PDB file of N, CA and C in Angstrom:
ATOM      1  N   MET A   1     -17.657  -1.446  13.350  1.00  0.00           N
ATOM      2  CA  MET A   1     -17.214  -1.865  11.770  1.00  0.00           C
ATOM      3  C   MET A   1     -17.270  -0.541  11.374  1.00  0.00           C
ATOM      4  N   LYS A   2     -17.634   0.473  11.380  1.00  0.00           N
ATOM      5  CA  LYS A   2     -18.064   1.688  10.881  1.00  0.00           C
ATOM      6  C   LYS A   2     -16.206   2.590  11.016  1.00  0.00           C
ATOM      7  N   TYR A   3     -16.069   2.456  12.431  1.00  0.00           N
ATOM      8  CA  TYR A   3     -14.674   2.901  12.269  1.00  0.00           C
ATOM      9  C   TYR A   3     -13.569   2.152  11.755  1.00  0.00           C
ATOM     10  N   PHE A   4     -13.187   0.716  11.959  1.00  0.00           N
ATOM     11  CA  PHE A   4     -12.939   0.018  10.835  1.00  0.00           C
ATOM     12  C   PHE A   4     -13.420   0.192   9.921  1.00  0.00           C
ATOM     13  N   ILE A   5     -14.112   0.715   8.700  1.00  0.00           N
ATOM     14  CA  ILE A   5     -14.079   1.078   7.511  1.00  0.00           C
ATOM     15  C   ILE A   5     -13.913   2.675   7.324  1.00  0.00           C
ATOM     16  N   ILE A   6     -13.292   3.232   7.606  1.00  0.00           N
ATOM     17  CA  ILE A   6     -13.387   4.711   7.961  1.00  0.00           C
ATOM     18  C   ILE A   6     -11.751   4.767   8.408  1.00  0.00           C
ATOM     19  N   TYR A   7     -10.956   3.400   8.891  1.00  0.00           N
ATOM     20  CA  TYR A   7      -9.911   3.386   9.411  1.00  0.00           C
ATOM     21  C   TYR A   7      -9.450   2.840   8.090  1.00  0.00           C
ATOM     22  N   MET A   8      -9.703   2.107   7.320  1.00  0.00           N
ATOM     23  CA  MET A   8      -9.398   1.176   5.970  1.00  0.00           C
ATOM     24  C   MET A   8      -9.592   2.380   5.456  1.00  0.00           C
ATOM     25  N   ALA A   9     -10.390   3.400   4.823  1.00  0.00           N
ATOM     26  CA  ALA A   9     -10.079   4.137   3.503  1.00  0.00           C
ATOM     27  C   ALA A   9      -9.194   5.060   4.316  1.00  0.00           C
ATOM     28  N   VAL A  10      -9.079   5.581   5.121  1.00  0.00           N
ATOM     29  CA  VAL A  10      -7.605   6.506   5.805  1.00  0.00           C
ATOM     30  C   VAL A  10      -6.750   6.176   5.285  1.00  0.00           C
ATOM     31  N   ILE A  11      -6.396   4.952   5.606  1.00  0.00           N
ATOM     32  CA  ILE A  11      -4.655   3.863   6.236  1.00  0.00           C
ATOM     33  C   ILE A  11      -4.884   4.041   4.055  1.00  0.00           C
ATOM     34  N   ASN A  12      -5.777   3.674   3.510  1.00  0.00           N
ATOM     35  CA  ASN A  12      -5.152   3.057   1.580  1.00  0.00           C
ATOM     36  C   ASN A  12      -5.220   4.702   0.844  1.00  0.00           C
ATOM     37  N   VAL A  13      -5.987   5.570   1.830  1.00  0.00           N
ATOM     38  CA  VAL A  13      -5.767   7.049   1.042  1.00  0.00           C
ATOM     39  C   VAL A  13      -4.022   7.352   1.349  1.00  0.00           C
ATOM     40  N   ILE A  14      -3.978   7.262   2.548  1.00  0.00           N
ATOM     41  CA  ILE A  14      -2.193   7.978   2.464  1.00  0.00           C
ATOM     42  C   ILE A  14      -1.028   6.768   2.103  1.00  0.00           C
ATOM     43  N   THR A  15      -1.523   5.518   2.538  1.00  0.00           N
ATOM     44  CA  THR A  15      -0.689   4.579   1.611  1.00  0.00           C
ATOM     45  C   THR A  15      -0.453   4.955  -0.609  1.00  0.00           C
ATOM     46  N   PHE A  16      -2.135   5.294  -0.834  1.00  0.00           N
ATOM     47  CA  PHE A  16      -1.725   5.655  -2.174  1.00  0.00           C
ATOM     48  C   PHE A  16      -0.762   6.942  -1.942  1.00  0.00           C
ATOM     49  N   ALA A  17      -0.888   8.110  -1.371  1.00  0.00           N
ATOM     50  CA  ALA A  17      -0.484   9.589  -1.359  1.00  0.00           C
ATOM     51  C   ALA A  17       0.858   8.922  -1.425  1.00  0.00           C
ATOM     52  N   VAL A  18       1.582   7.904  -0.082  1.00  0.00           N
ATOM     53  CA  VAL A  18       2.447   8.096  -0.110  1.00  0.00           C
ATOM     54  C   VAL A  18       3.340   7.179  -1.101  1.00  0.00           C
ATOM     55  N   PHE A  19       2.974   6.306  -2.294  1.00  0.00           N
ATOM     56  CA  PHE A  19       3.116   5.604  -3.402  1.00  0.00           C
ATOM     57  C   PHE A  19       3.600   7.049  -4.334  1.00  0.00           C
ATOM     58  N   GLY A  20       2.842   7.507  -4.470  1.00  0.00           N
ATOM     59  CA  GLY A  20       2.838   9.216  -5.340  1.00  0.00           C
ATOM     60  C   GLY A  20       4.068   9.867  -4.419  1.00  0.00           C
ATOM     61  N   ILE A  21       3.819  10.461  -3.469  1.00  0.00           N
ATOM     62  CA  ILE A  21       5.174  11.552  -2.960  1.00  0.00           C
ATOM     63  C   ILE A  21       6.223  10.479  -3.376  1.00  0.00           C
ATOM     64  N   ASP A  22       6.804   9.493  -3.091  1.00  0.00           N
ATOM     65  CA  ASP A  22       7.799   9.084  -2.783  1.00  0.00           C
ATOM     66  C   ASP A  22       8.215   8.727  -4.759  1.00  0.00           C
ATOM     67  N   LYS A  23       7.029   8.557  -5.852  1.00  0.00           N
ATOM     68  CA  LYS A  23       7.144   8.345  -7.128  1.00  0.00           C
ATOM     69  C   LYS A  23       7.666   9.670  -7.467  1.00  0.00           C
ATOM     70  N   LEU A  24       7.092  10.780  -7.301  1.00  0.00           N
ATOM     71  CA  LEU A  24       7.807  12.418  -7.536  1.00  0.00           C
ATOM     72  C   LEU A  24       9.356  12.436  -6.469  1.00  0.00           C
ATOM     73  N   LYS A  25       9.644  11.847  -5.804  1.00  0.00           N
ATOM     74  CA  LYS A  25      10.945  12.540  -5.403  1.00  0.00           C
ATOM     75  C   LYS A  25      11.797  11.271  -6.012  1.00  0.00           C
ATOM     76  N   ALA A  26      11.667  10.278  -6.292  1.00  0.00           N
ATOM     77  CA  ALA A  26      12.768   9.333  -6.940  1.00  0.00           C
ATOM     78  C   ALA A  26      12.704  10.339  -8.082  1.00  0.00           C
ATOM     79  N   VAL A  27      12.110  10.215  -9.519  1.00  0.00           N
ATOM     80  CA  VAL A  27      11.794  11.250 -10.718  1.00  0.00           C
ATOM     81  C   VAL A  27      12.889  12.601 -10.435  1.00  0.00           C
ATOM     82  N   LYS A  28      12.736  13.533  -8.916  1.00  0.00           N
ATOM     83  CA  LYS A  28      13.214  14.717  -9.010  1.00  0.00           C
ATOM     84  C   LYS A  28      15.006  14.430  -7.939  1.00  0.00           C
ATOM     85  N   ASN A  29      15.367  13.260  -8.027  1.00  0.00           N
ATOM     86  CA  ASN A  29      15.611  12.044  -7.210  1.00  0.00           C
ATOM     87  C   ASN A  29      16.507  13.169  -5.778  1.00  0.00           C
ATOM     88  N   ARG A  30      15.470  12.907  -4.737  1.00  0.00           N
ATOM     89  CA  ARG A  30      15.429  13.973  -3.436  1.00  0.00           C
ATOM     90  C   ARG A  30      15.485  12.331  -3.060  1.00  0.00           C
ATOM     91  N   TRP A  31      15.240  12.834  -1.252  1.00  0.00           N
ATOM     92  CA  TRP A  31      15.122  11.858  -0.417  1.00  0.00           C
ATOM     93  C   TRP A  31      14.075  11.155  -0.871  1.00  0.00           C
ATOM     94  N   ARG A  32      14.300   9.946  -0.768  1.00  0.00           N
ATOM     95  CA  ARG A  32      12.623   8.915  -1.012  1.00  0.00           C
ATOM     96  C   ARG A  32      12.359   8.536   0.758  1.00  0.00           C
ATOM     97  N   VAL A  33      11.194   7.594   0.714  1.00  0.00           N
ATOM     98  CA  VAL A  33      10.946   7.664   1.790  1.00  0.00           C
ATOM     99  C   VAL A  33      11.281   5.799   1.297  1.00  0.00           C
ATOM    100  N   PRO A  34      11.384   5.052   2.588  1.00  0.00           N
ATOM    101  CA  PRO A  34      12.245   3.692   2.881  1.00  0.00           C
ATOM    102  C   PRO A  34      11.014   2.742   2.003  1.00  0.00           C
ATOM    103  N   GLU A  35      11.503   2.060   1.564  1.00  0.00           N
ATOM    104  CA  GLU A  35      10.665   0.985   1.373  1.00  0.00           C
ATOM    105  C   GLU A  35      10.017  -0.344   2.374  1.00  0.00           C
ATOM    106  N   LYS A  36      11.266  -0.074   3.343  1.00  0.00           N
ATOM    107  CA  LYS A  36      10.177  -0.269   4.542  1.00  0.00           C
ATOM    108  C   LYS A  36       8.776   0.246   5.240  1.00  0.00           C
ATOM    109  N   ILE A  37       8.555   1.161   4.592  1.00  0.00           N
ATOM    110  CA  ILE A  37       7.762   2.070   4.965  1.00  0.00           C
ATOM    111  C   ILE A  37       6.773   1.725   4.341  1.00  0.00           C
ATOM    112  N   LEU A  38       6.855   1.625   3.040  1.00  0.00           N
ATOM    113  CA  LEU A  38       5.882   1.167   1.734  1.00  0.00           C
ATOM    114  C   LEU A  38       5.108   0.280   2.613  1.00  0.00           C
ATOM    115  N   PHE A  39       6.084  -0.476   2.533  1.00  0.00           N
ATOM    116  CA  PHE A  39       5.519  -2.025   3.264  1.00  0.00           C
ATOM    117  C   PHE A  39       4.634  -2.524   4.595  1.00  0.00           C
ATOM    118  N   LEU A  40       5.693  -1.434   5.317  1.00  0.00           N
ATOM    119  CA  LEU A  40       4.703  -1.458   6.533  1.00  0.00           C
ATOM    120  C   LEU A  40       3.306  -0.391   6.385  1.00  0.00           C
ATOM    121  N   LEU A  41       3.019  -0.005   5.888  1.00  0.00           N
ATOM    122  CA  LEU A  41       1.619   1.041   5.585  1.00  0.00           C
ATOM    123  C   LEU A  41       1.112  -0.222   4.607  1.00  0.00           C
ATOM    124  N   ALA A  42       1.212  -1.178   3.823  1.00  0.00           N
ATOM    125  CA  ALA A  42       0.595  -2.043   3.221  1.00  0.00           C
ATOM    126  C   ALA A  42       0.130  -2.930   4.265  1.00  0.00           C
ATOM    127  N   LEU A  43       1.031  -3.106   5.030  1.00  0.00           N
ATOM    128  CA  LEU A  43       0.471  -4.179   6.825  1.00  0.00           C
ATOM    129  C   LEU A  43      -0.438  -3.513   7.261  1.00  0.00           C
ATOM    130  N   LEU A  44      -0.408  -2.577   7.762  1.00  0.00           N
ATOM    131  CA  LEU A  44      -1.141  -1.875   8.674  1.00  0.00           C
ATOM    132  C   LEU A  44      -2.553  -1.871   8.059  1.00  0.00           C
ATOM    133  N   GLY A  45      -2.977  -2.185   6.711  1.00  0.00           N
ATOM    134  CA  GLY A  45      -4.344  -2.074   5.773  1.00  0.00           C
ATOM    135  C   GLY A  45      -4.084  -1.338   4.342  1.00  0.00           C
ATOM    136  N   GLY A  46      -2.952  -0.480   4.448  1.00  0.00           N
ATOM    137  CA  GLY A  46      -2.696  -0.155   3.263  1.00  0.00           C
ATOM    138  C   GLY A  46      -2.691  -0.584   1.499  1.00  0.00           C
ATOM    139  N   SER A  47      -2.798  -2.031   1.187  1.00  0.00           N
ATOM    140  CA  SER A  47      -2.538  -3.186   0.501  1.00  0.00           C
ATOM    141  C   SER A  47      -3.146  -2.081  -0.595  1.00  0.00           C
ATOM    142  N   LEU A  48      -4.556  -2.224  -0.321  1.00  0.00           N
ATOM    143  CA  LEU A  48      -5.271  -1.662  -1.674  1.00  0.00           C
ATOM    144  C   LEU A  48      -4.867  -0.139  -2.502  1.00  0.00           C
ATOM    145  N   GLY A  49      -4.519   0.343  -1.379  1.00  0.00           N
ATOM    146  CA  GLY A  49      -4.260   1.665  -1.688  1.00  0.00           C
ATOM    147  C   GLY A  49      -2.791   1.666  -2.368  1.00  0.00           C
ATOM    148  N   ALA A  50      -1.958   0.861  -1.801  1.00  0.00           N
ATOM    149  CA  ALA A  50      -0.250   0.354  -2.203  1.00  0.00           C
ATOM    150  C   ALA A  50      -0.550  -0.150  -3.893  1.00  0.00           C
ATOM    151  N   ILE A  51      -1.541  -0.786  -4.059  1.00  0.00           N
ATOM    152  CA  ILE A  51      -1.009  -1.360  -5.335  1.00  0.00           C
ATOM    153  C   ILE A  51      -2.210  -0.504  -6.597  1.00  0.00           C
ATOM    154  N   ILE A  52      -3.074   0.081  -6.074  1.00  0.00           N
ATOM    155  CA  ILE A  52      -2.942   1.378  -6.954  1.00  0.00           C
ATOM    156  C   ILE A  52      -2.389   2.351  -6.755  1.00  0.00           C
ATOM    157  N   GLY A  53      -1.948   2.655  -6.138  1.00  0.00           N
ATOM    158  CA  GLY A  53      -0.145   3.708  -5.887  1.00  0.00           C
ATOM    159  C   GLY A  53       0.783   3.152  -7.202  1.00  0.00           C
ATOM    160  N   MET A  54       0.867   1.798  -6.916  1.00  0.00           N
ATOM    161  CA  MET A  54       2.294   1.497  -7.615  1.00  0.00           C
ATOM    162  C   MET A  54       1.929   1.105  -9.190  1.00  0.00           C
ATOM    163  N   TYR A  55       0.532   1.397  -9.328  1.00  0.00           N
ATOM    164  CA  TYR A  55       0.075   0.735 -10.918  1.00  0.00           C
ATOM    165  C   TYR A  55      -0.133   2.406 -11.187  1.00  0.00           C
ATOM    166  N   SER A  56      -0.875   3.469 -10.686  1.00  0.00           N
ATOM    167  CA  SER A  56      -1.103   4.636 -11.427  1.00  0.00           C
ATOM    168  C   SER A  56      -0.083   5.658 -11.330  1.00  0.00           C
ATOM    169  N   PHE A  57       0.961   5.161 -10.432  1.00  0.00           N
ATOM    170  CA  PHE A  57       2.140   6.397 -10.681  1.00  0.00           C
ATOM    171  C   PHE A  57       3.324   4.954 -11.271  1.00  0.00           C
ATOM    172  N   ARG A  58       3.017   4.110 -11.776  1.00  0.00           N
ATOM    173  CA  ARG A  58       4.185   3.019 -12.027  1.00  0.00           C
ATOM    174  C   ARG A  58       5.155   3.359 -11.532  1.00  0.00           C
ATOM    175  N   HIS A  59       4.888   2.738 -10.382  1.00  0.00           N
ATOM    176  CA  HIS A  59       5.970   3.216  -9.131  1.00  0.00           C
ATOM    177  C   HIS A  59       6.017   1.840  -9.004  1.00  0.00           C
ATOM    178  N   LYS A  60       7.534   1.276  -8.169  1.00  0.00           N
ATOM    179  CA  LYS A  60       7.915   0.095  -7.606  1.00  0.00           C
ATOM    180  C   LYS A  60       7.344  -1.637  -8.595  1.00  0.00           C
ATOM    181  N   THR A  61       6.940  -0.647  -9.417  1.00  0.00           N
ATOM    182  CA  THR A  61       6.772  -2.158 -10.245  1.00  0.00           C
ATOM    183  C   THR A  61       7.078  -2.866 -10.730  1.00  0.00           C
ATOM    184  N   LYS A  62       8.741  -2.573 -10.937  1.00  0.00           N
ATOM    185  CA  LYS A  62       9.461  -3.805 -11.712  1.00  0.00           C
ATOM    186  C   LYS A  62      10.407  -4.361 -10.432  1.00  0.00           C
ATOM    187  N   LYS A  63      10.089  -3.818  -9.123  1.00  0.00           N
ATOM    188  CA  LYS A  63      10.478  -4.610  -8.230  1.00  0.00           C
ATOM    189  C   LYS A  63       9.773  -5.876  -7.778  1.00  0.00           C
ATOM    190  N   ILE A  64      10.405  -6.692  -7.916  1.00  0.00           N
ATOM    191  CA  ILE A  64       9.668  -8.643  -7.586  1.00  0.00           C
ATOM    192  C   ILE A  64       9.144  -8.291  -6.232  1.00  0.00           C
ATOM    193  N   ALA A  65       9.745  -7.926  -5.162  1.00  0.00           N
ATOM    194  CA  ALA A  65       9.299  -8.291  -3.844  1.00  0.00           C
ATOM    195  C   ALA A  65       7.805  -7.097  -3.465  1.00  0.00           C
ATOM    196  N   PHE A  66       7.879  -6.302  -4.491  1.00  0.00           N
ATOM    197  CA  PHE A  66       6.759  -5.524  -4.590  1.00  0.00           C
ATOM    198  C   PHE A  66       5.707  -5.851  -5.405  1.00  0.00           C
ATOM    199  N   ARG A  67       5.969  -6.484  -6.363  1.00  0.00           N
ATOM    200  CA  ARG A  67       5.087  -7.129  -7.455  1.00  0.00           C
ATOM    201  C   ARG A  67       3.994  -8.454  -6.249  1.00  0.00           C
ATOM    202  N   ILE A  68       5.179  -9.183  -6.057  1.00  0.00           N
ATOM    203  CA  ILE A  68       4.093  -9.805  -5.326  1.00  0.00           C
ATOM    204  C   ILE A  68       3.883 -10.308  -4.104  1.00  0.00           C
ATOM    205  N   GLY A  69       4.759  -9.305  -3.318  1.00  0.00           N
ATOM    206  CA  GLY A  69       4.334  -8.806  -1.943  1.00  0.00           C
ATOM    207  C   GLY A  69       3.131  -8.321  -1.799  1.00  0.00           C
ATOM    208  N   ILE A  70       3.282  -7.145  -2.269  1.00  0.00           N
ATOM    209  CA  ILE A  70       1.904  -6.302  -1.926  1.00  0.00           C
ATOM    210  C   ILE A  70       0.640  -6.776  -2.230  1.00  0.00           C
ATOM    211  N   PRO A  71       0.775  -8.257  -3.492  1.00  0.00           N
ATOM    212  CA  PRO A  71      -0.552  -8.907  -3.499  1.00  0.00           C
ATOM    213  C   PRO A  71      -1.034  -9.696  -2.524  1.00  0.00           C
ATOM    214  N   VAL A  72       0.350 -10.335  -2.292  1.00  0.00           N
ATOM    215  CA  VAL A  72      -0.225 -11.336  -0.848  1.00  0.00           C
ATOM    216  C   VAL A  72      -0.771 -11.071  -0.196  1.00  0.00           C
ATOM    217  N   ILE A  73       0.386  -9.180   0.332  1.00  0.00           N
ATOM    218  CA  ILE A  73      -0.199  -9.286   1.888  1.00  0.00           C
ATOM    219  C   ILE A  73      -1.779  -8.721   2.311  1.00  0.00           C
ATOM    220  N   LEU A  74      -2.467  -8.294   0.722  1.00  0.00           N
ATOM    221  CA  LEU A  74      -3.459  -7.797   0.326  1.00  0.00           C
ATOM    222  C   LEU A  74      -4.903  -9.522   0.191  1.00  0.00           C
ATOM    223  N   ILE A  75      -4.294 -10.185   0.118  1.00  0.00           N
ATOM    224  CA  ILE A  75      -5.148 -11.421  -0.081  1.00  0.00           C
ATOM    225  C   ILE A  75      -4.606 -11.967   1.520  1.00  0.00           C
ATOM    226  N   VAL A  76      -3.797 -11.965   2.394  1.00  0.00           N
ATOM    227  CA  VAL A  76      -3.631 -11.860   3.606  1.00  0.00           C
ATOM    228  C   VAL A  76      -5.344 -11.149   4.226  1.00  0.00           C
ATOM    229  N   GLN A  77      -5.114 -10.086   4.405  1.00  0.00           N
ATOM    230  CA  GLN A  77      -6.236  -9.309   4.659  1.00  0.00           C
ATOM    231  C   GLN A  77      -7.662  -9.549   3.992  1.00  0.00           C
ATOM    232  N   ILE A  78      -7.657 -10.024   3.711  1.00  0.00           N
ATOM    233  CA  ILE A  78      -8.984 -10.117   2.632  1.00  0.00           C
ATOM    234  C   ILE A  78      -9.451 -11.426   3.840  1.00  0.00           C
ATOM    235  N   ILE A  79      -8.402 -12.590   3.758  1.00  0.00           N
ATOM    236  CA  ILE A  79      -9.096 -13.708   3.812  1.00  0.00           C
ATOM    237  C   ILE A  79      -8.554 -13.168   5.705  1.00  0.00           C
ATOM    238  N   PHE A  80      -8.358 -12.976   6.349  1.00  0.00           N
ATOM    239  CA  PHE A  80      -8.401 -11.783   7.393  1.00  0.00           C
ATOM    240  C   PHE A  80      -9.863 -11.416   7.884  1.00  0.00           C
ATOM    241  N   ILE A  81     -10.052 -10.827   7.185  1.00  0.00           N
ATOM    242  CA  ILE A  81     -10.921  -9.746   7.337  1.00  0.00           C
ATOM    243  C   ILE A  81     -12.348 -10.857   7.253  1.00  0.00           C
ATOM    244  N   TYR A  82     -12.251 -11.806   6.480  1.00  0.00           N
ATOM    245  CA  TYR A  82     -13.463 -12.823   5.750  1.00  0.00           C
ATOM    246  C   TYR A  82     -13.896 -13.867   7.179  1.00  0.00           C
ATOM    247  N   PHE A  83     -12.612 -14.041   7.623  1.00  0.00           N
ATOM    248  CA  PHE A  83     -12.706 -14.829   9.132  1.00  0.00           C
ATOM    249  C   PHE A  83     -12.878 -14.210  10.252  1.00  0.00           C
ATOM    250  N   MET A  84     -12.625 -13.351  10.292  1.00  0.00           N
ATOM    251  CA  MET A  84     -13.584 -12.353  11.649  1.00  0.00           C
ATOM    252  C   MET A  84     -14.501 -11.976  11.240  1.00  0.00           C
ATOM    253  N   ASN A  85     -15.731 -12.120   9.965  1.00  0.00           N
ATOM    254  CA  ASN A  85     -16.790 -11.647   9.712  1.00  0.00           C
ATOM    255  C   ASN A  85     -17.475 -12.870   9.679  1.00  0.00           C
ATOM    256  N   ARG A  86     -17.251 -14.122  10.448  1.00  0.00           N
ATOM    257  CA  ARG A  86     -17.741 -15.485   9.702  1.00  0.00           C
ATOM    258  C   ARG A  86     -19.076 -14.829  10.921  1.00  0.00           C
TER     259      ARG A  86
END
């Protein structure tokens, strides 16, 4: 359980940072992080970091796929964790 908590903390910090980096690159018209990578990081456990990053950086909040998709991923992950710990 200890390693799971460490993993979740690390993946969420990484995901948050990648959202911030992508926003910075968007502002500077530079090469961007592909959306599939942002979703992959969320699927790998970084969905909370993705949501916090989206709203902290005001990034991808107008895209319906992100506004709905990332919270759905988070809900599914919470349900999964709940049932794994029963």
